[in-house]
Protein backbone atom coordinates (compact mmCIF):
# COMPACT_ATOMS: atom_id res chain seq x y z
CA UNK A 1 -60.24 -56.72 -12.68
CA UNK A 2 -58.08 -56.98 -9.56
CA UNK A 3 -56.21 -53.81 -8.67
CA UNK A 4 -58.44 -51.51 -10.78
CA UNK A 5 -61.06 -49.06 -9.53
CA UNK A 6 -64.62 -49.60 -10.70
CA UNK A 7 -66.59 -47.05 -12.72
CA UNK A 8 -68.93 -46.49 -9.77
CA UNK A 9 -65.93 -45.50 -7.62
CA UNK A 10 -64.94 -42.80 -10.13
CA UNK A 11 -68.55 -41.57 -10.18
CA UNK A 12 -68.57 -41.30 -6.38
CA UNK A 13 -65.35 -39.29 -6.56
CA UNK A 14 -66.87 -36.96 -9.14
CA UNK A 15 -69.99 -36.41 -7.03
CA UNK A 16 -67.95 -35.78 -3.90
CA UNK A 17 -67.13 -32.26 -2.76
CA UNK A 18 -64.14 -30.98 -4.75
CA UNK A 19 -60.95 -30.69 -2.70
CA UNK A 20 -58.83 -27.59 -3.04
CA UNK A 21 -55.33 -28.37 -4.24
CA UNK A 22 -52.53 -26.68 -2.36
CA UNK A 23 -49.09 -26.01 -3.69
CA UNK A 24 -46.14 -27.02 -1.49
CA UNK A 25 -44.58 -24.30 0.59
CA UNK A 26 -41.32 -22.89 -0.55
CA UNK A 27 -38.55 -24.22 1.62
CA UNK A 28 -37.45 -21.53 4.04
CA UNK A 29 -33.71 -21.65 4.66
CA UNK A 30 -32.62 -20.91 8.16
CA UNK A 31 -30.61 -17.76 8.17
CA UNK A 32 -29.28 -15.76 11.07
CA UNK A 33 -26.32 -14.97 13.12
CA UNK A 34 -26.52 -18.23 15.07
CA UNK A 35 -25.88 -20.22 11.91
CA UNK A 36 -22.62 -18.47 11.03
CA UNK A 37 -19.62 -20.34 12.41
CA UNK A 38 -15.93 -19.88 11.81
CA UNK A 39 -14.37 -22.30 9.38
CA UNK A 40 -11.59 -24.33 10.94
CA UNK A 41 -9.52 -23.74 7.82
CA UNK A 42 -9.56 -19.99 8.50
CA UNK A 43 -8.11 -20.35 12.00
CA UNK A 44 -5.57 -22.93 10.86
CA UNK A 45 -4.30 -20.67 8.09
CA UNK A 46 -4.07 -17.70 10.46
CA UNK A 47 -2.16 -19.81 12.96
CA UNK A 48 0.29 -20.93 10.28
CA UNK A 49 0.84 -17.27 9.51
CA UNK A 50 1.45 -16.59 13.20
CA UNK A 51 3.86 -19.55 13.42
CA UNK A 52 5.83 -18.23 10.45
CA UNK A 53 5.96 -14.72 11.88
CA UNK A 54 6.98 -15.89 15.36
CA UNK A 55 9.68 -18.18 13.95
CA UNK A 56 11.08 -15.40 11.80
CA UNK A 57 11.07 -12.93 14.71
CA UNK A 58 12.76 -15.32 17.16
CA UNK A 59 15.36 -16.47 14.64
CA UNK A 60 16.02 -12.92 13.48
CA UNK A 61 16.56 -11.62 17.01
CA UNK A 62 18.73 -14.59 18.02
CA UNK A 63 20.83 -15.06 14.90
CA UNK A 64 20.44 -11.80 13.02
CA UNK A 65 20.77 -9.29 15.88
CA UNK A 66 22.77 -11.56 18.13
CA UNK A 67 20.55 -10.95 21.17
CA UNK A 68 20.42 -13.56 23.90
CA UNK A 69 17.08 -15.23 24.51
CA UNK A 70 15.83 -18.71 25.54
CA UNK A 71 15.85 -19.92 21.96
CA UNK A 72 14.88 -23.55 22.72
CA UNK A 73 11.92 -22.67 24.92
CA UNK A 74 10.66 -20.13 22.39
CA UNK A 75 10.70 -22.64 19.57
CA UNK A 76 9.04 -25.22 21.84
CA UNK A 77 6.09 -22.84 22.29
CA UNK A 78 5.97 -22.26 18.54
CA UNK A 79 6.19 -26.01 17.88
CA UNK A 80 3.14 -26.63 20.08
CA UNK A 81 1.11 -24.36 17.77
CA UNK A 82 2.42 -26.23 14.75
CA UNK A 83 1.54 -29.61 16.26
CA UNK A 84 -1.97 -28.38 17.08
CA UNK A 85 -2.44 -27.24 13.47
CA UNK A 86 -1.25 -30.58 12.10
CA UNK A 87 -3.56 -32.47 14.46
CA UNK A 88 -6.54 -30.33 13.43
CA UNK A 89 -5.75 -30.88 9.73
CA UNK A 90 -5.64 -34.65 10.25
CA UNK A 91 -8.74 -34.83 12.45
CA UNK A 92 -11.15 -32.50 10.60
CA UNK A 93 -11.89 -31.69 6.93
CA UNK A 94 -11.09 -28.26 5.53
CA UNK A 95 -14.77 -27.34 5.35
CA UNK A 96 -15.47 -28.09 9.03
CA UNK A 97 -17.16 -25.23 10.85
CA UNK A 98 -16.45 -24.69 14.51
CA UNK A 99 -19.05 -24.29 17.20
CA UNK A 100 -18.61 -21.08 19.24
CA UNK A 101 -17.17 -23.01 22.18
CA UNK A 102 -14.50 -24.77 20.09
CA UNK A 103 -13.56 -21.56 18.29
CA UNK A 104 -13.26 -19.76 21.64
CA UNK A 105 -10.99 -22.51 22.97
CA UNK A 106 -8.67 -22.29 19.94
CA UNK A 107 -8.44 -18.50 20.17
CA UNK A 108 -7.79 -18.76 23.92
CA UNK A 109 -4.93 -21.16 23.15
CA UNK A 110 -3.46 -18.55 20.77
CA UNK A 111 -3.60 -15.91 23.55
CA UNK A 112 -1.93 -18.22 26.05
CA UNK A 113 0.74 -19.34 23.56
CA UNK A 114 1.58 -15.73 22.72
CA UNK A 115 1.72 -14.83 26.40
CA UNK A 116 4.28 -17.63 26.93
CA UNK A 117 6.46 -16.15 24.19
CA UNK A 118 6.07 -12.68 25.73
CA UNK A 119 7.06 -14.06 29.15
CA UNK A 120 10.22 -15.51 27.62
CA UNK A 121 11.09 -12.30 25.73
CA UNK A 122 10.51 -9.32 28.00
CA UNK A 123 6.76 -9.20 28.74
CA UNK A 124 5.02 -5.94 27.82
CA UNK A 125 8.39 -4.35 27.06
CA UNK A 126 8.41 -6.52 23.94
CA UNK A 127 6.84 -4.48 21.10
CA UNK A 128 5.15 -7.62 19.78
CA UNK A 129 2.79 -7.58 22.81
CA UNK A 130 0.39 -5.64 20.59
CA UNK A 131 -0.40 -8.95 18.86
CA UNK A 132 -2.60 -9.90 21.84
CA UNK A 133 -5.26 -7.84 20.04
CA UNK A 134 -5.47 -10.26 17.10
CA UNK A 135 -7.43 -13.20 18.67
CA UNK A 136 -9.89 -10.79 20.29
CA UNK A 137 -10.53 -9.02 16.97
CA UNK A 138 -11.12 -12.34 15.22
CA UNK A 139 -13.60 -13.28 17.91
CA UNK A 140 -15.37 -9.91 17.66
CA UNK A 141 -16.03 -10.39 13.97
CA UNK A 142 -17.30 -13.97 14.12
CA UNK A 143 -18.32 -15.04 17.65
CA UNK A 144 -21.06 -13.94 20.06
CA UNK A 145 -20.25 -10.91 22.26
CA UNK A 146 -20.08 -13.07 25.40
CA UNK A 147 -17.27 -15.16 23.91
CA UNK A 148 -15.40 -12.05 22.84
CA UNK A 149 -15.73 -10.64 26.36
CA UNK A 150 -14.25 -13.82 27.83
CA UNK A 151 -11.31 -13.71 25.44
CA UNK A 152 -10.80 -10.00 26.15
CA UNK A 153 -10.68 -10.66 29.90
CA UNK A 154 -8.24 -13.51 29.31
CA UNK A 155 -6.00 -11.23 27.23
CA UNK A 156 -6.08 -8.56 29.94
CA UNK A 157 -5.25 -11.16 32.60
CA UNK A 158 -2.24 -12.57 30.74
CA UNK A 159 -1.08 -9.06 29.82
CA UNK A 160 -1.15 -8.13 33.49
CA UNK A 161 0.69 -11.31 34.42
CA UNK A 162 3.49 -10.98 31.87
CA UNK A 163 3.73 -7.29 32.67
CA UNK A 164 4.56 -8.16 36.29
CA UNK A 165 6.50 -11.43 35.83
CA UNK A 166 8.72 -12.00 32.78
CA UNK A 167 12.28 -12.75 31.70
CA UNK A 168 14.50 -9.82 30.66
CA UNK A 169 14.02 -8.20 27.30
CA UNK A 170 16.55 -9.70 24.81
CA UNK A 171 19.41 -7.26 24.30
CA UNK A 172 23.05 -7.23 23.26
CA UNK A 173 25.66 -6.57 25.93
CA UNK A 174 25.31 -5.96 29.64
CA UNK A 175 23.83 -2.47 29.37
CA UNK A 176 20.18 -3.49 29.05
CA UNK A 177 17.57 -0.69 28.93
CA UNK A 178 15.38 -0.49 32.03
CA UNK A 179 11.95 0.97 31.30
CA UNK A 180 10.38 2.85 34.23
CA UNK A 181 7.26 1.34 35.86
CA UNK A 182 5.14 4.28 34.70
CA UNK A 183 6.00 3.52 31.08
CA UNK A 184 5.20 -0.16 31.51
CA UNK A 185 1.89 0.79 33.16
CA UNK A 186 1.15 3.04 30.20
CA UNK A 187 1.87 0.17 27.80
CA UNK A 188 -0.50 -2.04 29.78
CA UNK A 189 -3.22 0.64 29.76
CA UNK A 190 -2.79 1.20 26.01
CA UNK A 191 -3.10 -2.53 25.39
CA UNK A 192 -6.26 -2.77 27.51
CA UNK A 193 -7.84 0.24 25.80
CA UNK A 194 -6.86 -1.16 22.43
CA UNK A 195 -8.53 -4.47 23.29
CA UNK A 196 -11.74 -2.67 24.26
CA UNK A 197 -11.85 -0.23 21.35
CA UNK A 198 -10.87 -2.57 18.54
CA UNK A 199 -13.04 -5.38 19.91
CA UNK A 200 -16.17 -3.21 20.13
CA UNK A 201 -15.51 -1.55 16.79
CA UNK A 202 -14.91 -4.84 14.97
CA UNK A 203 -17.99 -6.40 16.58
CA UNK A 204 -20.17 -3.44 15.61
CA UNK A 205 -19.02 -3.36 11.99
CA UNK A 206 -19.41 -7.13 11.63
CA UNK A 207 -22.87 -7.02 13.25
CA UNK A 208 -24.11 -4.34 10.86
CA UNK A 209 -22.83 -6.37 7.91
CA UNK A 210 -24.51 -9.53 9.22
CA UNK A 211 -27.78 -7.71 9.89
CA UNK A 212 -27.85 -6.22 6.41
CA UNK A 213 -27.04 -9.58 4.85
CA UNK A 214 -29.80 -11.31 6.82
CA UNK A 215 -32.30 -8.58 6.00
CA UNK A 216 -31.54 -8.83 2.30
CA UNK A 217 -31.87 -12.61 2.51
CA UNK A 218 -35.27 -12.19 4.18
CA UNK A 219 -36.39 -9.76 1.49
CA UNK A 220 -35.23 -12.11 -1.26
CA UNK A 221 -37.12 -14.94 0.44
CA UNK A 222 -40.35 -12.91 0.52
CA UNK A 223 -39.93 -11.80 -3.09
CA UNK A 224 -39.18 -15.37 -4.19
CA UNK A 225 -42.34 -16.58 -2.47
CA UNK A 226 -44.44 -13.84 -4.07
CA UNK A 227 -42.85 -14.49 -7.46
CA UNK A 228 -43.63 -18.18 -7.05
CA UNK A 229 -47.29 -17.32 -6.46
CA UNK A 230 -47.42 -14.84 -9.33
CA UNK A 231 -46.01 -17.46 -11.70
CA UNK A 232 -48.86 -19.85 -10.95
CA UNK A 233 -51.09 -18.04 -13.45
CA UNK A 234 -48.59 -18.84 -16.22
CA UNK A 235 -48.45 -22.47 -15.15
CA UNK A 236 -52.25 -22.55 -15.04
CA UNK A 237 -52.50 -21.13 -18.57
CA UNK A 238 -50.00 -23.72 -19.82
CA UNK A 239 -51.95 -26.49 -18.11
CA UNK A 240 -55.20 -25.24 -19.65
CA UNK A 241 -53.62 -25.28 -23.11
CA UNK A 242 -52.16 -28.77 -22.73
CA UNK A 243 -55.35 -30.26 -21.24
CA UNK A 244 -57.59 -28.78 -23.90
CA UNK A 245 -56.99 -31.51 -26.50
CA UNK A 246 -57.53 -34.59 -24.27
CA UNK A 247 -60.60 -32.93 -22.74
CA UNK A 248 -62.06 -32.39 -26.22
CA UNK A 249 -61.46 -36.07 -26.96
CA UNK A 250 -63.26 -37.10 -23.76
CA UNK A 251 -66.20 -34.86 -24.69
CA UNK A 252 -66.39 -36.43 -28.15
CA UNK A 253 -66.33 -39.96 -26.74
CA UNK A 254 -69.01 -39.01 -24.19
CA UNK A 255 -71.27 -37.76 -27.01
CA UNK A 256 -70.75 -40.98 -28.94
CA UNK A 257 -71.55 -43.04 -25.86
CA UNK A 258 -74.71 -41.06 -25.21
CA UNK A 259 -75.82 -41.69 -28.82
CA UNK A 260 -75.17 -45.44 -28.61
CA UNK A 261 -76.33 -46.10 -25.04
CA UNK A 262 -79.98 -46.60 -24.02
CA UNK A 263 -81.95 -43.44 -23.33
CA UNK A 264 -82.69 -44.55 -19.76
CA UNK A 265 -80.94 -46.55 -17.10
CA UNK A 266 -77.84 -46.39 -14.94
CA UNK A 267 -75.46 -46.12 -17.92
CA UNK A 268 -77.34 -43.11 -19.27
CA UNK A 269 -77.07 -41.36 -15.90
CA UNK A 270 -73.34 -42.08 -15.78
CA UNK A 271 -72.80 -40.69 -19.29
CA UNK A 272 -74.81 -37.56 -18.41
CA UNK A 273 -72.68 -37.05 -15.31
CA UNK A 274 -69.53 -37.53 -17.40
CA UNK A 275 -70.64 -34.86 -19.90
CA UNK A 276 -71.49 -32.46 -17.04
CA UNK A 277 -68.05 -32.94 -15.51
CA UNK A 278 -66.39 -32.36 -18.89
CA UNK A 279 -68.24 -29.05 -19.24
CA UNK A 280 -67.24 -28.15 -15.72
CA UNK A 281 -63.58 -28.87 -16.52
CA UNK A 282 -63.84 -26.70 -19.61
CA UNK A 283 -65.15 -23.82 -17.54
CA UNK A 284 -62.33 -24.18 -15.00
CA UNK A 285 -59.68 -24.32 -17.70
CA UNK A 286 -61.19 -21.27 -19.36
CA UNK A 287 -60.83 -19.31 -16.13
CA UNK A 288 -57.25 -20.48 -15.71
CA UNK A 289 -56.36 -19.48 -19.25
CA UNK A 290 -57.85 -16.01 -18.72
CA UNK A 291 -55.29 -15.26 -15.98
CA UNK A 292 -52.73 -14.40 -18.66
CA UNK A 293 -55.05 -12.04 -20.54
CA UNK A 294 -54.59 -8.30 -20.24
CA UNK A 295 -58.26 -8.01 -19.38
CA UNK A 296 -58.30 -10.54 -16.56
CA UNK A 297 -61.47 -9.29 -14.93
CA UNK A 298 -62.17 -7.47 -11.68
CA UNK A 299 -59.76 -9.52 -9.57
CA UNK A 300 -56.77 -8.26 -11.56
CA UNK A 301 -57.46 -4.62 -10.66
CA UNK A 302 -58.14 -3.13 -7.26
CA UNK A 303 -59.64 0.18 -6.30
CA UNK A 304 -57.92 1.95 -3.45
CA UNK A 305 -60.70 0.86 -1.09
CA UNK A 306 -60.36 -2.80 -2.13
CA UNK A 307 -56.58 -2.59 -1.74
CA UNK A 308 -57.04 -1.39 1.85
CA UNK A 309 -59.60 -4.10 2.57
CA UNK A 310 -57.33 -6.83 1.18
CA UNK A 311 -54.36 -5.65 3.26
CA UNK A 312 -56.39 -5.13 6.46
CA UNK A 313 -58.72 -8.12 6.10
CA UNK A 314 -56.43 -10.75 7.71
CA UNK A 315 -56.07 -8.51 10.80
CA UNK A 316 -59.79 -8.01 11.49
CA UNK A 317 -60.26 -11.24 13.50
CA UNK A 318 -57.86 -9.98 16.21
CA UNK A 319 -60.52 -7.75 17.76
CA UNK A 320 -59.06 -4.31 16.98
CA UNK A 321 -61.63 -2.24 15.04
CA UNK A 322 -60.60 -0.38 11.90
CA UNK A 323 -61.71 3.10 10.93
CA UNK A 324 -61.30 3.67 7.19
CA UNK A 325 -61.54 7.24 5.90
CA UNK A 326 -61.70 7.91 2.14
CA UNK A 327 -61.12 11.49 0.92
CA UNK A 328 -60.54 12.59 -2.63
CA UNK A 329 -61.99 13.63 -5.93
CA UNK A 330 -63.63 11.15 -8.25
CA UNK A 331 -62.60 8.86 -9.82
CA UNK A 332 -61.08 6.70 -7.09
CA UNK A 333 -57.53 5.47 -7.90
CA UNK A 334 -57.22 1.95 -9.29
CA UNK A 335 -54.06 -0.19 -9.31
CA UNK A 336 -53.12 -3.58 -10.67
CA UNK A 337 -53.01 -6.32 -8.07
CA UNK A 338 -49.47 -6.36 -6.70
CA UNK A 339 -48.56 -9.08 -4.15
CA UNK A 340 -45.58 -7.04 -2.91
CA UNK A 341 -47.73 -3.96 -2.23
CA UNK A 342 -50.42 -6.02 -0.47
CA UNK A 343 -47.80 -7.81 1.62
CA UNK A 344 -46.10 -4.54 2.59
CA UNK A 345 -49.33 -2.80 3.56
CA UNK A 346 -50.42 -5.89 5.49
CA UNK A 347 -47.16 -5.83 7.47
CA UNK A 348 -47.70 -2.19 8.46
CA UNK A 349 -51.32 -2.87 9.43
CA UNK A 350 -50.13 -5.87 11.46
CA UNK A 351 -47.71 -3.64 13.40
CA UNK A 352 -50.48 -1.09 14.02
CA UNK A 353 -52.80 -3.81 15.36
CA UNK A 354 -50.04 -5.10 17.67
CA UNK A 355 -49.60 -1.74 19.40
CA UNK A 356 -53.11 -0.22 19.16
CA UNK A 357 -55.05 0.23 22.39
CA UNK A 358 -58.51 0.47 20.86
CA UNK A 359 -58.52 1.30 17.15
CA UNK A 360 -56.50 1.56 13.94
CA UNK A 361 -57.26 4.38 11.51
CA UNK A 362 -56.52 4.04 7.79
CA UNK A 363 -56.91 7.26 5.84
CA UNK A 364 -56.84 7.30 2.03
CA UNK A 365 -56.45 10.64 0.24
CA UNK A 366 -55.98 11.37 -3.42
CA UNK A 367 -56.16 14.00 -6.12
CA UNK A 368 -55.20 14.04 -9.77
CA UNK A 369 -51.48 14.01 -8.94
CA UNK A 370 -50.94 11.99 -5.76
CA UNK A 371 -52.28 9.04 -3.76
CA UNK A 372 -51.63 8.92 -0.02
CA UNK A 373 -52.32 6.20 2.58
CA UNK A 374 -51.89 6.90 6.29
CA UNK A 375 -52.02 4.08 8.84
CA UNK A 376 -52.19 5.23 12.47
CA UNK A 377 -52.85 3.54 15.79
CA UNK A 378 -53.65 4.89 19.25
CA UNK A 379 -50.85 3.03 21.02
CA UNK A 380 -47.72 4.40 22.70
CA UNK A 381 -46.12 5.48 19.39
CA UNK A 382 -42.54 5.09 18.22
CA UNK A 383 -39.86 5.58 20.91
CA UNK A 384 -37.47 8.39 19.91
CA UNK A 385 -34.55 6.03 19.22
CA UNK A 386 -36.74 3.79 17.05
CA UNK A 387 -38.29 6.72 15.19
CA UNK A 388 -34.87 7.90 14.05
CA UNK A 389 -34.12 4.50 12.47
CA UNK A 390 -37.62 3.34 11.46
CA UNK A 391 -37.40 0.95 8.54
CA UNK A 392 -33.89 -0.30 9.36
CA UNK A 393 -33.45 -4.09 9.65
CA UNK A 394 -33.43 -5.80 13.08
CA UNK A 395 -35.05 -2.83 14.80
CA UNK A 396 -37.43 -3.86 17.58
CA UNK A 397 -38.59 -2.37 20.83
CA UNK A 398 -40.15 -3.46 24.08
CA UNK A 399 -43.74 -4.33 23.23
CA UNK A 400 -42.82 -6.07 20.07
CA UNK A 401 -40.06 -8.11 21.71
CA UNK A 402 -42.41 -9.26 24.45
CA UNK A 403 -44.84 -10.93 22.07
CA UNK A 404 -44.86 -14.68 21.94
CA UNK A 405 -42.43 -15.85 19.40
CA UNK A 406 -40.46 -12.65 19.43
CA UNK A 407 -39.40 -11.57 15.96
CA UNK A 408 -36.37 -10.54 14.00
CA UNK A 409 -37.47 -6.94 13.52
CA UNK A 410 -37.60 -7.43 9.75
CA UNK A 411 -41.31 -6.79 9.12
CA UNK A 412 -41.13 -3.03 8.75
CA UNK A 413 -37.91 -3.25 6.75
CA UNK A 414 -39.45 -5.70 4.28
CA UNK A 415 -42.64 -3.63 4.02
CA UNK A 416 -40.65 -0.46 3.37
CA UNK A 417 -38.53 -2.21 0.74
CA UNK A 418 -41.52 -3.64 -1.13
CA UNK A 419 -43.55 -0.41 -1.06
CA UNK A 420 -40.65 1.80 -2.11
CA UNK A 421 -40.03 -0.57 -5.01
CA UNK A 422 -43.53 0.32 -6.15
CA UNK A 423 -42.79 4.05 -6.05
CA UNK A 424 -44.01 4.92 -2.55
CA UNK A 425 -42.36 7.59 -0.40
CA UNK A 426 -42.66 6.60 3.27
CA UNK A 427 -42.71 8.80 6.37
CA UNK A 428 -42.72 7.59 9.99
CA UNK A 429 -43.93 9.83 12.80
CA UNK A 430 -45.96 10.02 15.99
CA UNK A 431 -49.37 11.65 16.22
CA UNK A 432 -49.27 15.21 17.61
CA UNK A 433 -50.38 15.89 21.18
CA UNK A 434 -52.80 15.37 22.82
CA UNK A 435 -53.23 12.25 20.69
CA UNK A 436 -50.82 9.34 20.96
CA UNK A 437 -49.82 6.61 18.57
CA UNK A 438 -47.59 5.79 15.62
CA UNK A 439 -48.29 7.03 12.10
CA UNK A 440 -46.95 5.62 8.83
CA UNK A 441 -47.65 7.63 5.69
CA UNK A 442 -47.12 6.39 2.12
CA UNK A 443 -47.38 8.68 -0.90
CA UNK A 444 -47.33 7.68 -4.57
CA UNK A 445 -47.42 9.71 -7.72
CA UNK A 446 -50.80 8.78 -9.14
CA UNK A 447 -49.27 7.77 -12.47
CA UNK A 448 -46.96 5.38 -10.56
CA UNK A 449 -49.83 4.01 -8.46
CA UNK A 450 -51.91 3.33 -11.57
CA UNK A 451 -48.98 2.04 -13.64
CA UNK A 452 -49.53 -1.02 -15.88
CA UNK A 453 -53.26 -0.35 -16.17
CA UNK A 454 -54.73 -0.20 -19.67
CA UNK A 455 -55.69 3.45 -19.18
CA UNK A 456 -52.47 4.42 -17.38
CA UNK A 457 -51.22 7.36 -19.35
CA UNK A 458 -52.07 10.34 -17.25
CA UNK A 459 -50.10 13.55 -17.75
CA UNK A 460 -46.80 13.76 -15.95
CA UNK A 461 -46.82 15.62 -12.64
CA UNK A 462 -44.25 17.29 -10.47
CA UNK A 463 -42.01 14.68 -8.80
CA UNK A 464 -42.02 16.39 -5.41
CA UNK A 465 -44.23 14.88 -2.74
CA UNK A 466 -46.63 17.42 -1.25
CA UNK A 467 -48.02 17.41 2.26
CA UNK A 468 -51.71 17.47 3.01
CA UNK A 469 -52.98 15.64 -0.06
CA UNK A 470 -56.73 15.78 -0.17
CA UNK A 471 -57.02 17.62 3.14
């Protein structure tokens, strides 16, 4: 029949080497500081607020206090800001996000517009000159440091200019106050220092918030991926249950065909192959269904040695030898397979391999109360500034940054988060002289390490973590 595959084609497929099915990768969202851009709506709203404040100040001084000032020119400068806002509202949607260059240009316009108003109303003698800080602070919280530096230099330049050249300060009567040059220089210096201090402070606070947000997003991504993998056993069990009935029907039909078909010949061979493949499918489905059982076999539980081998195995092809030392009383600790623990240990081993000169040493120690793993390399060790903040997000140093591809400095943070979720207490240090190298030590209460096992029910132990376990 045209468009249909023949029976011999299906037989060839069955005899062919089985192909491993792969599940699609979880989509990895791009996250990072480069993807955060200011919303145009934010700047437009802030500018409307500035327009309202400037209009109220100019009108209040001119009409309320009766001071003389170039009222028309002042409102012309304010009107330019209003026209720019209206044009931006018409041209772009509210959700439009600005590229750093466009945002820098708009903030630079705000600095220049404010400097024009200051020139018309007394320069730095005008108490509203402090508002030159606002665009720089906005930039510090949302734009790259280079853009903030440019805006800060622009603010200093216009502050210097309006400090030297400006119209008289609005005042009533002929007896205008004359501020001495030293006072005006002090106002200029205070403004410059304020620009530097508030800009750096705002940038630092915003950077820490962004780093923490990105690190948490990375951790959630890793956990979502691991959860996706851990849920496959449930999907497999459901598939085994649903496929059981049609597979039984196929087996029944195959038996009927074998009874009715000739004992020899090509059809008999095909029916025999069909029955063999049905039995093979039953065996596969039985294994899939067993993944949900409490007694899921040896792969569901790992001895401490197997846990180390599974974490270190992917790093062995890179040519750095491993020395594994096992010390402790029998029996050896056993834990349930935990993707988060394996991923965290693998990340720490990966770091050790990156910096090791010749070898990586993994020492496992245990007694009836505690389980300790120590991963050490013979590389340069942690620099002092890194050692004080080991485990913080976005913490990298020279050798790691020089690797191809760089890195976000999230590996150790994610590993620390995953392992501490499993009850580990982590310590970062350098090996004592004359040895050199970094050392990461993880200690679990044994009852926490062996949690969720059928026999887990050991007596409670002291919660304090002791040094020198098994030594």
